[in-house]
PDB file of N, CA and C in Angstrom:
ATOM      1  N   MET A   1      -9.679  17.500-111.404  1.00  0.00           N
ATOM      2  CA  MET A   1     -10.094  17.090-109.746  1.00  0.00           C
ATOM      3  C   MET A   1      -8.778  16.480-109.244  1.00  0.00           C
ATOM      4  N   GLY A   2      -8.333  16.728-107.659  1.00  0.00           N
ATOM      5  CA  GLY A   2      -7.153  16.096-107.373  1.00  0.00           C
ATOM      6  C   GLY A   2      -7.497  15.148-105.764  1.00  0.00           C
ATOM      7  N   ARG A   3      -6.992  14.202-105.825  1.00  0.00           N
ATOM      8  CA  ARG A   3      -7.033  13.650-104.557  1.00  0.00           C
ATOM      9  C   ARG A   3      -5.995  14.566-103.356  1.00  0.00           C
ATOM     10  N   SER A   4      -6.777  14.133-102.279  1.00  0.00           N
ATOM     11  CA  SER A   4      -5.817  15.429-100.930  1.00  0.00           C
ATOM     12  C   SER A   4      -5.551  14.150-100.032  1.00  0.00           C
ATOM     13  N   THR A   5      -4.371  14.497 -99.477  1.00  0.00           N
ATOM     14  CA  THR A   5      -3.879  13.506 -98.328  1.00  0.00           C
ATOM     15  C   THR A   5      -2.711  14.293 -97.551  1.00  0.00           C
ATOM     16  N   GLU A   6      -2.297  13.649 -96.636  1.00  0.00           N
ATOM     17  CA  GLU A   6      -1.145  14.465 -96.168  1.00  0.00           C
ATOM     18  C   GLU A   6       0.142  13.221 -96.012  1.00  0.00           C
ATOM     19  N   ALA A   7       1.010  14.255 -95.826  1.00  0.00           N
ATOM     20  CA  ALA A   7       2.573  13.351 -96.420  1.00  0.00           C
ATOM     21  C   ALA A   7       3.625  13.930 -95.526  1.00  0.00           C
ATOM     22  N   SER A   8       4.362  13.141 -94.496  1.00  0.00           N
ATOM     23  CA  SER A   8       5.150  13.243 -94.107  1.00  0.00           C
ATOM     24  C   SER A   8       6.144  14.043 -94.841  1.00  0.00           C
ATOM     25  N   ALA A   9       6.807  14.803 -94.225  1.00  0.00           N
ATOM     26  CA  ALA A   9       8.262  15.374 -94.503  1.00  0.00           C
ATOM     27  C   ALA A   9       9.085  15.768 -93.039  1.00  0.00           C
ATOM     28  N   ALA A  10       9.858  15.433 -93.292  1.00  0.00           N
ATOM     29  CA  ALA A  10      10.495  15.417 -92.409  1.00  0.00           C
ATOM     30  C   ALA A  10      12.352  15.744 -92.449  1.00  0.00           C
ATOM     31  N   GLY A  11      13.225  16.710 -92.408  1.00  0.00           N
ATOM     32  CA  GLY A  11      14.051  17.518 -93.356  1.00  0.00           C
ATOM     33  C   GLY A  11      15.385  17.519 -91.937  1.00  0.00           C
ATOM     34  N   ASP A  12      16.678  17.939 -92.383  1.00  0.00           N
ATOM     35  CA  ASP A  12      17.372  17.963 -91.309  1.00  0.00           C
ATOM     36  C   ASP A  12      16.827  19.254 -90.248  1.00  0.00           C
ATOM     37  N   ARG A  13      16.156  19.931 -90.591  1.00  0.00           N
ATOM     38  CA  ARG A  13      15.737  20.793 -89.222  1.00  0.00           C
ATOM     39  C   ARG A  13      14.449  20.395 -88.288  1.00  0.00           C
ATOM     40  N   GLY A  14      14.234  18.990 -88.799  1.00  0.00           N
ATOM     41  CA  GLY A  14      12.805  18.470 -87.855  1.00  0.00           C
ATOM     42  C   GLY A  14      13.909  17.618 -87.292  1.00  0.00           C
ATOM     43  N   ARG A  15      15.354  17.272 -87.319  1.00  0.00           N
ATOM     44  CA  ARG A  15      16.046  16.181 -85.878  1.00  0.00           C
ATOM     45  C   ARG A  15      16.500  17.144 -85.514  1.00  0.00           C
ATOM     46  N   GLN A  16      16.271  16.628 -84.423  1.00  0.00           N
ATOM     47  CA  GLN A  16      17.360  16.930 -82.844  1.00  0.00           C
ATOM     48  C   GLN A  16      18.047  16.039 -82.323  1.00  0.00           C
ATOM     49  N   THR A  17      19.494  16.199 -82.040  1.00  0.00           N
ATOM     50  CA  THR A  17      20.382  15.633 -80.962  1.00  0.00           C
ATOM     51  C   THR A  17      20.398  15.867 -79.516  1.00  0.00           C
ATOM     52  N   SER A  18      21.055  15.260 -78.850  1.00  0.00           N
ATOM     53  CA  SER A  18      21.042  15.411 -77.446  1.00  0.00           C
ATOM     54  C   SER A  18      21.810  14.066 -77.039  1.00  0.00           C
ATOM     55  N   SER A  19      23.012  14.456 -75.879  1.00  0.00           N
ATOM     56  CA  SER A  19      23.413  13.681 -75.352  1.00  0.00           C
ATOM     57  C   SER A  19      23.070  13.666 -73.663  1.00  0.00           C
ATOM     58  N   ASN A  20      23.281  12.569 -73.339  1.00  0.00           N
ATOM     59  CA  ASN A  20      22.987  12.259 -71.976  1.00  0.00           C
ATOM     60  C   ASN A  20      23.943  12.436 -70.964  1.00  0.00           C
ATOM     61  N   GLY A  21      24.884  12.989 -71.547  1.00  0.00           N
ATOM     62  CA  GLY A  21      26.247  13.117 -70.320  1.00  0.00           C
ATOM     63  C   GLY A  21      27.261  11.694 -70.468  1.00  0.00           C
ATOM     64  N   ALA A  22      26.596  10.666 -70.635  1.00  0.00           N
ATOM     65  CA  ALA A  22      27.531   9.260 -70.849  1.00  0.00           C
ATOM     66  C   ALA A  22      27.749   8.806 -72.309  1.00  0.00           C
ATOM     67  N   GLY A  23      27.826  10.165 -73.020  1.00  0.00           N
ATOM     68  CA  GLY A  23      28.464   9.694 -74.029  1.00  0.00           C
ATOM     69  C   GLY A  23      27.373   8.872 -75.320  1.00  0.00           C
ATOM     70  N   VAL A  24      26.320   8.928 -74.727  1.00  0.00           N
ATOM     71  CA  VAL A  24      25.365   8.306 -75.354  1.00  0.00           C
ATOM     72  C   VAL A  24      24.417   9.171 -76.261  1.00  0.00           C
ATOM     73  N   VAL A  25      24.437   9.412 -77.801  1.00  0.00           N
ATOM     74  CA  VAL A  25      23.862  10.362 -78.249  1.00  0.00           C
ATOM     75  C   VAL A  25      22.624  10.157 -78.750  1.00  0.00           C
ATOM     76  N   THR A  26      21.631  10.294 -78.605  1.00  0.00           N
ATOM     77  CA  THR A  26      19.901   9.979 -79.056  1.00  0.00           C
ATOM     78  C   THR A  26      19.689  11.256 -80.051  1.00  0.00           C
ATOM     79  N   ILE A  27      19.067  10.750 -81.097  1.00  0.00           N
ATOM     80  CA  ILE A  27      18.770  11.295 -81.960  1.00  0.00           C
ATOM     81  C   ILE A  27      16.725  11.105 -82.508  1.00  0.00           C
ATOM     82  N   LYS A  28      16.208  12.167 -82.264  1.00  0.00           N
ATOM     83  CA  LYS A  28      14.775  12.465 -82.477  1.00  0.00           C
ATOM     84  C   LYS A  28      14.215  12.995 -83.522  1.00  0.00           C
ATOM     85  N   THR A  29      13.517  12.552 -84.805  1.00  0.00           N
ATOM     86  CA  THR A  29      13.037  13.115 -85.332  1.00  0.00           C
ATOM     87  C   THR A  29      11.527  13.616 -85.150  1.00  0.00           C
ATOM     88  N   VAL A  30      10.967  14.673 -85.740  1.00  0.00           N
ATOM     89  CA  VAL A  30      10.019  15.528 -85.454  1.00  0.00           C
ATOM     90  C   VAL A  30       9.556  15.258 -86.847  1.00  0.00           C
ATOM     91  N   TYR A  31       8.145  14.674 -87.147  1.00  0.00           N
ATOM     92  CA  TYR A  31       7.368  14.596 -88.533  1.00  0.00           C
ATOM     93  C   TYR A  31       6.360  15.560 -88.368  1.00  0.00           C
ATOM     94  N   ALA A  32       6.507  16.605 -89.628  1.00  0.00           N
ATOM     95  CA  ALA A  32       5.546  17.578 -89.604  1.00  0.00           C
ATOM     96  C   ALA A  32       4.499  16.950 -90.878  1.00  0.00           C
ATOM     97  N   PHE A  33       3.306  16.443 -90.749  1.00  0.00           N
ATOM     98  CA  PHE A  33       2.248  16.094 -91.825  1.00  0.00           C
ATOM     99  C   PHE A  33       1.686  17.083 -92.602  1.00  0.00           C
ATOM    100  N   VAL A  34       1.456  17.723 -94.077  1.00  0.00           N
ATOM    101  CA  VAL A  34       1.686  18.682 -94.559  1.00  0.00           C
ATOM    102  C   VAL A  34       0.457  17.927 -95.789  1.00  0.00           C
ATOM    103  N   PRO A  35      -0.663  18.554 -95.653  1.00  0.00           N
ATOM    104  CA  PRO A  35      -1.556  18.457 -96.732  1.00  0.00           C
ATOM    105  C   PRO A  35      -1.068  18.600 -97.975  1.00  0.00           C
ATOM    106  N   HIS A  36      -1.336  17.472 -99.366  1.00  0.00           N
ATOM    107  CA  HIS A  36      -1.157  17.772 -99.779  1.00  0.00           C
ATOM    108  C   HIS A  36      -2.143  17.193-101.175  1.00  0.00           C
ATOM    109  N   THR A  37      -1.764  17.863-102.093  1.00  0.00           N
ATOM    110  CA  THR A  37      -3.286  17.420-103.559  1.00  0.00           C
ATOM    111  C   THR A  37      -2.369  16.564-104.455  1.00  0.00           C
ATOM    112  N   LEU A  38      -3.143  15.427-105.179  1.00  0.00           N
ATOM    113  CA  LEU A  38      -2.362  14.824-106.096  1.00  0.00           C
ATOM    114  C   LEU A  38      -3.138  15.283-107.579  1.00  0.00           C
ATOM    115  N   ARG A  39      -2.543  15.589-108.621  1.00  0.00           N
ATOM    116  CA  ARG A  39      -3.348  15.963-109.911  1.00  0.00           C
ATOM    117  C   ARG A  39      -2.851  15.311-111.351  1.00  0.00           C
ATOM    118  N   ALA A  40      -3.230  15.436-111.931  1.00  0.00           N
ATOM    119  CA  ALA A  40      -2.778  14.846-113.320  1.00  0.00           C
ATOM    120  C   ALA A  40      -1.465  16.055-113.699  1.00  0.00           C
ATOM    121  N   ASP A  41      -0.645  15.534-114.301  1.00  0.00           N
ATOM    122  CA  ASP A  41       0.481  16.388-114.874  1.00  0.00           C
ATOM    123  C   ASP A  41      -0.237  17.090-115.755  1.00  0.00           C
ATOM    124  N   PRO A  42      -0.972  18.512-115.937  1.00  0.00           N
ATOM    125  CA  PRO A  42      -0.926  19.290-117.100  1.00  0.00           C
ATOM    126  C   PRO A  42      -0.375  19.179-118.261  1.00  0.00           C
ATOM    127  N   ASP A  43       1.321  19.026-118.204  1.00  0.00           N
ATOM    128  CA  ASP A  43       2.606  19.197-119.236  1.00  0.00           C
ATOM    129  C   ASP A  43       2.236  17.933-119.671  1.00  0.00           C
ATOM    130  N   ALA A  44       1.785  17.069-118.965  1.00  0.00           N
ATOM    131  CA  ALA A  44       2.625  15.201-119.655  1.00  0.00           C
ATOM    132  C   ALA A  44       1.594  14.796-120.871  1.00  0.00           C
ATOM    133  N   GLU A  45       1.973  14.503-121.756  1.00  0.00           N
ATOM    134  CA  GLU A  45       1.250  14.007-123.009  1.00  0.00           C
ATOM    135  C   GLU A  45       0.188  12.967-121.910  1.00  0.00           C
ATOM    136  N   SER A  46      -0.641  12.050-123.219  1.00  0.00           N
ATOM    137  CA  SER A  46      -2.266  11.397-122.476  1.00  0.00           C
ATOM    138  C   SER A  46      -1.299  10.136-122.087  1.00  0.00           C
ATOM    139  N   ALA A  47      -2.204   9.417-121.434  1.00  0.00           N
ATOM    140  CA  ALA A  47      -1.669   8.269-120.877  1.00  0.00           C
ATOM    141  C   ALA A  47      -0.872   7.300-121.809  1.00  0.00           C
ATOM    142  N   ILE A  48       0.113   6.347-121.633  1.00  0.00           N
ATOM    143  CA  ILE A  48       0.866   5.921-122.166  1.00  0.00           C
ATOM    144  C   ILE A  48       0.404   4.373-121.738  1.00  0.00           C
ATOM    145  N   PHE A  49      -0.284   3.349-123.066  1.00  0.00           N
ATOM    146  CA  PHE A  49      -0.756   2.087-123.142  1.00  0.00           C
ATOM    147  C   PHE A  49       0.914   1.222-123.707  1.00  0.00           C
ATOM    148  N   GLU A  50       0.177  -0.110-123.199  1.00  0.00           N
ATOM    149  CA  GLU A  50       1.798  -1.168-123.797  1.00  0.00           C
ATOM    150  C   GLU A  50       0.219  -2.523-123.407  1.00  0.00           C
ATOM    151  N   ALA A  51       0.966  -3.264-124.135  1.00  0.00           N
ATOM    152  CA  ALA A  51       0.544  -4.760-123.882  1.00  0.00           C
ATOM    153  C   ALA A  51       1.480  -5.991-122.953  1.00  0.00           C
ATOM    154  N   GLU A  52       1.229  -6.780-122.197  1.00  0.00           N
ATOM    155  CA  GLU A  52       2.463  -7.523-122.062  1.00  0.00           C
ATOM    156  C   GLU A  52       1.965  -9.041-122.216  1.00  0.00           C
ATOM    157  N   CYS A  53       2.819 -10.068-122.803  1.00  0.00           N
ATOM    158  CA  CYS A  53       2.041 -11.593-122.745  1.00  0.00           C
ATOM    159  C   CYS A  53       2.479 -11.779-121.661  1.00  0.00           C
ATOM    160  N   THR A  54       1.382 -12.527-120.863  1.00  0.00           N
ATOM    161  CA  THR A  54       1.322 -13.160-119.491  1.00  0.00           C
ATOM    162  C   THR A  54       1.969 -14.618-119.221  1.00  0.00           C
ATOM    163  N   THR A  55       2.794 -14.991-120.602  1.00  0.00           N
ATOM    164  CA  THR A  55       3.037 -16.352-121.237  1.00  0.00           C
ATOM    165  C   THR A  55       4.626 -16.257-121.277  1.00  0.00           C
ATOM    166  N   PHE A  56       4.624 -15.234-122.210  1.00  0.00           N
ATOM    167  CA  PHE A  56       6.475 -15.362-122.570  1.00  0.00           C
ATOM    168  C   PHE A  56       6.574 -13.727-122.211  1.00  0.00           C
ATOM    169  N   ASP A  57       7.859 -13.323-122.220  1.00  0.00           N
ATOM    170  CA  ASP A  57       8.596 -12.163-121.555  1.00  0.00           C
ATOM    171  C   ASP A  57       8.378 -11.372-122.882  1.00  0.00           C
ATOM    172  N   ALA A  58       7.330 -10.670-123.273  1.00  0.00           N
ATOM    173  CA  ALA A  58       7.462 -10.022-124.758  1.00  0.00           C
ATOM    174  C   ALA A  58       6.202  -9.072-124.507  1.00  0.00           C
ATOM    175  N   ARG A  59       6.639  -7.895-124.967  1.00  0.00           N
ATOM    176  CA  ARG A  59       5.722  -6.392-124.390  1.00  0.00           C
ATOM    177  C   ARG A  59       5.557  -5.858-126.154  1.00  0.00           C
ATOM    178  N   SER A  60       4.440  -5.059-126.288  1.00  0.00           N
ATOM    179  CA  SER A  60       4.453  -3.896-127.355  1.00  0.00           C
ATOM    180  C   SER A  60       4.920  -2.736-127.484  1.00  0.00           C
ATOM    181  N   GLN A  61       5.287  -2.244-128.007  1.00  0.00           N
ATOM    182  CA  GLN A  61       5.509  -0.766-128.205  1.00  0.00           C
ATOM    183  C   GLN A  61       5.269   0.120-127.976  1.00  0.00           C
ATOM    184  N   PRO A  62       5.463   1.498-126.521  1.00  0.00           N
ATOM    185  CA  PRO A  62       4.135   1.873-125.983  1.00  0.00           C
ATOM    186  C   PRO A  62       3.659   2.835-127.241  1.00  0.00           C
ATOM    187  N   SER A  63       2.743   3.166-126.924  1.00  0.00           N
ATOM    188  CA  SER A  63       1.844   4.142-127.558  1.00  0.00           C
ATOM    189  C   SER A  63       0.923   5.132-126.736  1.00  0.00           C
ATOM    190  N   SER A  64       1.000   5.958-127.057  1.00  0.00           N
ATOM    191  CA  SER A  64       0.322   7.240-126.456  1.00  0.00           C
ATOM    192  C   SER A  64      -0.956   7.691-127.074  1.00  0.00           C
ATOM    193  N   GLU A  65      -0.599   7.351-128.646  1.00  0.00           N
ATOM    194  CA  GLU A  65      -1.643   7.847-129.633  1.00  0.00           C
ATOM    195  C   GLU A  65      -3.235   7.595-129.711  1.00  0.00           C
ATOM    196  N   ASP A  66      -2.831   5.697-129.500  1.00  0.00           N
ATOM    197  CA  ASP A  66      -4.107   5.128-129.777  1.00  0.00           C
ATOM    198  C   ASP A  66      -3.950   3.678-129.197  1.00  0.00           C
ATOM    199  N   GLN A  67      -5.072   2.868-129.034  1.00  0.00           N
ATOM    200  CA  GLN A  67      -4.630   1.573-128.314  1.00  0.00           C
ATOM    201  C   GLN A  67      -4.702   0.778-129.752  1.00  0.00           C
ATOM    202  N   GLU A  68      -4.949   1.141-130.504  1.00  0.00           N
ATOM    203  CA  GLU A  68      -5.070   0.031-131.890  1.00  0.00           C
ATOM    204  C   GLU A  68      -3.789  -0.549-132.251  1.00  0.00           C
ATOM    205  N   PRO A  69      -2.692  -0.038-132.239  1.00  0.00           N
ATOM    206  CA  PRO A  69      -1.255  -0.494-132.376  1.00  0.00           C
ATOM    207  C   PRO A  69      -1.143  -1.461-131.265  1.00  0.00           C
ATOM    208  N   ILE A  70      -1.335  -1.476-130.379  1.00  0.00           N
ATOM    209  CA  ILE A  70      -1.215  -1.903-128.799  1.00  0.00           C
ATOM    210  C   ILE A  70      -2.338  -3.537-129.258  1.00  0.00           C
ATOM    211  N   GLU A  71      -3.227  -3.662-129.447  1.00  0.00           N
ATOM    212  CA  GLU A  71      -4.403  -4.714-129.637  1.00  0.00           C
ATOM    213  C   GLU A  71      -3.991  -5.467-131.114  1.00  0.00           C
ATOM    214  N   LEU A  72      -3.402  -4.638-132.109  1.00  0.00           N
ATOM    215  CA  LEU A  72      -3.100  -5.409-133.306  1.00  0.00           C
ATOM    216  C   LEU A  72      -1.450  -6.003-132.852  1.00  0.00           C
ATOM    217  N   TRP A  73      -0.845  -5.633-132.043  1.00  0.00           N
ATOM    218  CA  TRP A  73       0.319  -6.560-131.325  1.00  0.00           C
ATOM    219  C   TRP A  73       0.186  -7.618-130.746  1.00  0.00           C
ATOM    220  N   ALA A  74      -0.859  -7.608-129.809  1.00  0.00           N
ATOM    221  CA  ALA A  74      -1.230  -8.675-128.824  1.00  0.00           C
ATOM    222  C   ALA A  74      -1.904  -9.837-130.138  1.00  0.00           C
ATOM    223  N   LEU A  75      -3.226  -9.519-130.868  1.00  0.00           N
ATOM    224  CA  LEU A  75      -3.223 -10.308-131.903  1.00  0.00           C
ATOM    225  C   LEU A  75      -2.162 -11.045-132.873  1.00  0.00           C
ATOM    226  N   ALA A  76      -1.351 -10.061-133.191  1.00  0.00           N
ATOM    227  CA  ALA A  76      -0.221 -10.925-134.034  1.00  0.00           C
ATOM    228  C   ALA A  76       0.462 -11.381-133.015  1.00  0.00           C
ATOM    229  N   HIS A  77       0.862 -11.153-131.903  1.00  0.00           N
ATOM    230  CA  HIS A  77       1.566 -12.423-131.071  1.00  0.00           C
ATOM    231  C   HIS A  77       1.019 -13.892-130.692  1.00  0.00           C
ATOM    232  N   THR A  78      -0.703 -13.583-130.757  1.00  0.00           N
ATOM    233  CA  THR A  78      -1.321 -14.724-130.327  1.00  0.00           C
ATOM    234  C   THR A  78      -1.258 -15.534-132.055  1.00  0.00           C
ATOM    235  N   GLY A  79      -1.295 -15.053-132.716  1.00  0.00           N
ATOM    236  CA  GLY A  79      -0.799 -16.052-134.380  1.00  0.00           C
ATOM    237  C   GLY A  79       0.339 -16.395-134.177  1.00  0.00           C
ATOM    238  N   ARG A  80       1.316 -15.597-133.936  1.00  0.00           N
ATOM    239  CA  ARG A  80       2.649 -16.424-133.954  1.00  0.00           C
ATOM    240  C   ARG A  80       2.699 -17.615-132.910  1.00  0.00           C
ATOM    241  N   THR A  81       2.750 -17.093-131.580  1.00  0.00           N
ATOM    242  CA  THR A  81       2.820 -18.115-130.898  1.00  0.00           C
ATOM    243  C   THR A  81       1.640 -19.122-129.921  1.00  0.00           C
ATOM    244  N   GLY A  82       0.401 -18.705-130.276  1.00  0.00           N
ATOM    245  CA  GLY A  82      -0.707 -19.317-129.709  1.00  0.00           C
ATOM    246  C   GLY A  82      -0.940 -19.008-128.101  1.00  0.00           C
ATOM    247  N   HIS A  83      -0.204 -17.551-127.911  1.00  0.00           N
ATOM    248  CA  HIS A  83      -0.334 -17.048-126.101  1.00  0.00           C
ATOM    249  C   HIS A  83      -1.630 -16.296-126.154  1.00  0.00           C
ATOM    250  N   THR A  84      -2.244 -16.606-125.125  1.00  0.00           N
ATOM    251  CA  THR A  84      -3.777 -15.818-125.413  1.00  0.00           C
ATOM    252  C   THR A  84      -3.953 -14.625-124.119  1.00  0.00           C
ATOM    253  N   GLY A  85      -3.051 -14.751-123.417  1.00  0.00           N
ATOM    254  CA  GLY A  85      -3.128 -14.164-122.119  1.00  0.00           C
ATOM    255  C   GLY A  85      -2.144 -12.648-121.942  1.00  0.00           C
ATOM    256  N   TYR A  86      -2.696 -11.735-122.210  1.00  0.00           N
ATOM    257  CA  TYR A  86      -2.235 -10.716-121.817  1.00  0.00           C
ATOM    258  C   TYR A  86      -2.697  -9.204-120.460  1.00  0.00           C
ATOM    259  N   ARG A  87      -1.796  -8.397-120.405  1.00  0.00           N
ATOM    260  CA  ARG A  87      -1.483  -7.641-119.410  1.00  0.00           C
ATOM    261  C   ARG A  87      -1.622  -5.899-119.837  1.00  0.00           C
ATOM    262  N   GLU A  88      -2.515  -5.370-119.349  1.00  0.00           N
ATOM    263  CA  GLU A  88      -2.572  -3.690-120.115  1.00  0.00           C
ATOM    264  C   GLU A  88      -1.739  -3.112-119.136  1.00  0.00           C
ATOM    265  N   LEU A  89      -0.697  -2.382-119.564  1.00  0.00           N
ATOM    266  CA  LEU A  89      -0.086  -1.314-118.629  1.00  0.00           C
ATOM    267  C   LEU A  89      -0.357   0.130-119.253  1.00  0.00           C
ATOM    268  N   VAL A  90      -0.807   0.723-117.958  1.00  0.00           N
ATOM    269  CA  VAL A  90      -1.125   2.135-118.349  1.00  0.00           C
ATOM    270  C   VAL A  90      -0.333   3.056-117.807  1.00  0.00           C
ATOM    271  N   THR A  91       0.220   3.953-118.211  1.00  0.00           N
ATOM    272  CA  THR A  91       0.930   5.002-117.711  1.00  0.00           C
ATOM    273  C   THR A  91       0.534   6.073-117.377  1.00  0.00           C
ATOM    274  N   ARG A  92       0.729   6.821-116.364  1.00  0.00           N
ATOM    275  CA  ARG A  92       0.124   8.247-116.102  1.00  0.00           C
ATOM    276  C   ARG A  92       0.933   8.854-115.338  1.00  0.00           C
ATOM    277  N   PHE A  93       1.138  10.068-115.721  1.00  0.00           N
ATOM    278  CA  PHE A  93       1.785  11.065-114.666  1.00  0.00           C
ATOM    279  C   PHE A  93       1.373  12.079-113.666  1.00  0.00           C
ATOM    280  N   TRP A  94       1.455  12.115-113.114  1.00  0.00           N
ATOM    281  CA  TRP A  94       1.069  12.966-111.510  1.00  0.00           C
ATOM    282  C   TRP A  94       1.812  13.968-111.067  1.00  0.00           C
ATOM    283  N   TRP A  95       0.831  14.931-110.348  1.00  0.00           N
ATOM    284  CA  TRP A  95       1.919  16.066-109.171  1.00  0.00           C
ATOM    285  C   TRP A  95       1.503  15.928-108.138  1.00  0.00           C
ATOM    286  N   ALA A  96       2.426  16.074-106.879  1.00  0.00           N
ATOM    287  CA  ALA A  96       1.538  16.150-105.775  1.00  0.00           C
ATOM    288  C   ALA A  96       2.368  17.437-105.507  1.00  0.00           C
ATOM    289  N   THR A  97       1.196  18.569-104.944  1.00  0.00           N
ATOM    290  CA  THR A  97       1.475  19.763-104.438  1.00  0.00           C
ATOM    291  C   THR A  97       0.815  19.938-103.211  1.00  0.00           C
ATOM    292  N   ARG A  98       1.704  20.834-102.748  1.00  0.00           N
ATOM    293  CA  ARG A  98       0.823  21.434-101.318  1.00  0.00           C
ATOM    294  C   ARG A  98      -0.104  22.183-101.381  1.00  0.00           C
ATOM    295  N   SER A  99      -0.936  21.870-100.377  1.00  0.00           N
ATOM    296  CA  SER A  99      -2.565  22.137-100.089  1.00  0.00           C
ATOM    297  C   SER A  99      -2.542  23.139 -99.166  1.00  0.00           C
ATOM    298  N   GLY A 100      -1.501  23.198 -98.404  1.00  0.00           N
ATOM    299  CA  GLY A 100      -1.721  24.165 -97.224  1.00  0.00           C
ATOM    300  C   GLY A 100      -0.467  25.071 -96.885  1.00  0.00           C
TER     301      GLY A 100
END
């Protein structure tokens, strides 16, 4: 399943220039709104997980296989530093394709 929306696409073909005879050039851009669908990238590996300490500039190694190494890193970091706050970072890959 994907999410559909419209995105504007303006290229050189959409730009028009004209002169008013007094040496002033105006540029007009024409936008074309094209429907697109957003889908997960079928060729990408699964999501990539990381944990980041919210107290100090420390981050776990990324893992796409399992979240357990991320959790173990956070617990070990807590044991070493006493820091208790973490942010989970999840990276997923998407493709936007024209649907119209």
